[in-house]
Amino acid sequence: MKKYVRLRWMAALLLVVGAVLFWSFKNGDSRSFQVAKNLDIFSSIVRELDMFYVDTINPDKTIREGIDAMLYSLDPYTEYYPEDDQSELEQMLRNSYGGIGSIISWNPKLKRSVIAEPYEGMPAATSGLKTGDVLMEIDGEDLAGKNNQEVSEMLRGQVGTSFKLKVQRPGTKGLLEFELVRRSIQLPIIPYYTVLDHQIGYINLSTFSGNPSKEFKQAFLDLKKRGITSLVIDLRNNGGGLLDEAVEIANFFLPRGKTLVTTKGKIPQADNTYKTLREPIDPDIPLAVLVNGSTASSSEILAGSLQDLDRAVIVGNRTYGKGLVQTTRNLPYGGTMKLTTSKYYIPSGRCVQAIDYKHRGDGEGGERIPDSLTNVFHTAAGREVRDGGGILPDIVVKQEKLPNILFYLVNDNLIFDYATDYCLKHPTIPAPEQFKVTDADYADFKALVKKADFKYDQQTEKMLKNLKEMAEFEGYLTDAQAEFEALEKKLTHNLDRDLDHFSKEIKNMIALEIIKRYYYQRGSIIEQLKDDPDLKEAVKVLTAPAEYAKLLSAPEASV
């Protein structure tokens, strides 16, 4: 009897458990059911393809493409890195990789990769490789037919390993052979800092990966010893990195205990608050921060925190608008997933995320949040700022548009080739601060362009052609024929005229390409700062204390 009762009790319990499980899958835990169902469908599809598809599939490739397509539907920062791609993730997180330390570019005429920019002090530069060297062989393997990505992967490898590289150097007969040893390549965190006129310090911060706060502190203290009375922090083209590092650098200028960033996600572990933990190095020195459309992520945290707490004047153009935070998760078989887990909010309470990725899975790349849908927040002093669109500078500087001809000169490698030839004829050049492209140099460049039979599209000619076709279609061409012919004569392609008219912009680009051959990244920054409209505005406001204070103060109430 007891056995019978026990069996009835167990049967009833199983029924209850089954009902609960069924109910939870169908109702309260339907998401778990949907996930389990679709995982089962996905694995079944892979098995069916493997068994019955007409051709043999590569499971790694097929499944990887499926994973990438799934992650693409979310946002561009959620990515999967299998075991053999960990070096790419490591480079992103630590700002370092095993290689020779050089940018390589593709030469479409030669159909080969060439050395485009060796990094100062790295194996490519110290071994004697020069910009313009054409890569021919690696350890005896001909590089013909290999694209830039394939060559880059061959140049990278485990730190300490060596290989032989053969190159063809312009102006030199035969191939040159170099033996290179791969090193841990860390891109310069602060490629340049200096004291400008009026005792204004300048620090160019290129990344928040690695340990930038340590290097920034050293540079700042050195500038203070040299007597600076204000500081420009250049965050242009800084794509971000570690959030903690942005908070640490902000702490150099802000009091202890200030909340700079809060993160909010789906799970409690994604919610964090980041505060300044130490006493500042200098809470009073006037600051200007340079930003542009490529200033993103941790760079926006630093710039936005200093703006929200009225600690710095932001100068330049609206930043990128990345308000999403990523973390890494370990996966089976040595893989890693970098995924978005939260959004971050700076001191005013705003999130700077500019792109809405909700519709990305519908084949769209995400839509920028329109200004009309952004919300008003206020800085500590009461100044109005907005969310949803990056950091809008306090002083917006109009961007100068580069001439169309310059794009084609760069794209056709004519400036690159001229600089290569120039370096063969000039073993040394003056320091970057004194170097100039002379009129004689520019005459040589124009001769090279004409010899190359350079052609480029003029947008005005294209627009005129389209307008003429539309006028003919709508029946206006006959009456407007004389006007069209007169305009066509004025817009006739004239290479000499364009080379002279845009000589200033073209000379600047030539100087930049030449200087970095001798003085690397530091030299190119010095060249760019010579006529920099953003820097001019920063200097202008830092040398006008009343204007500086007004920009950071609460707006005057209207009466």
Foldseek 3Di string as FASTA:
>chain_A
DVVVVVVVVVVVVVVVVVVVVVCCCVPVVVVVVVVVVVVVVVVVVLVCCCPDPPDHDDVVVVVQVVVVLVVLLFAPQWDKAAQVRVQVVVCQQAQKFWFQAFDWDAAVVVRFIFTAFHFPPGNCVVQPHFGQWTWADKQRHGCRPPDPVVVRVVRGDDAQDKIKTWTDAPPDPDIDITITGIHIDHDDQFLDWDQDPPLETETEGAELHRQNLVVVVVSVVVSVVVPHQAYEYEQELYQYHDLLNLQSNLQQADAFPAWFKWKDFDDPVRTDIDTNHDGHVHNDREYEYEYEQNRYDSSLSNVVQCQLQLRYFYFEAFYNQDFWDWDWDADPNNMIIIDTGTGMAGDQRATAHQWASNCSSVVDNTDGDDPVPWDWTAGPQGDTDTHRHGGGGLHYDDDDDADQVLVQCVVNCLLVVLLSVVCVVPVDADALLPDFQDPVSLVVSVVSCVVVVDDDDDVVVVVLVVVLVVCVVVVNCVVCVVVSVVVCVVVPDDPVVVCVVNVVVNRLVSSLSNQCSPVNPHSNVSSCVPDPPRVVVVVVLSVPVVNSVQSSHHDDDDD
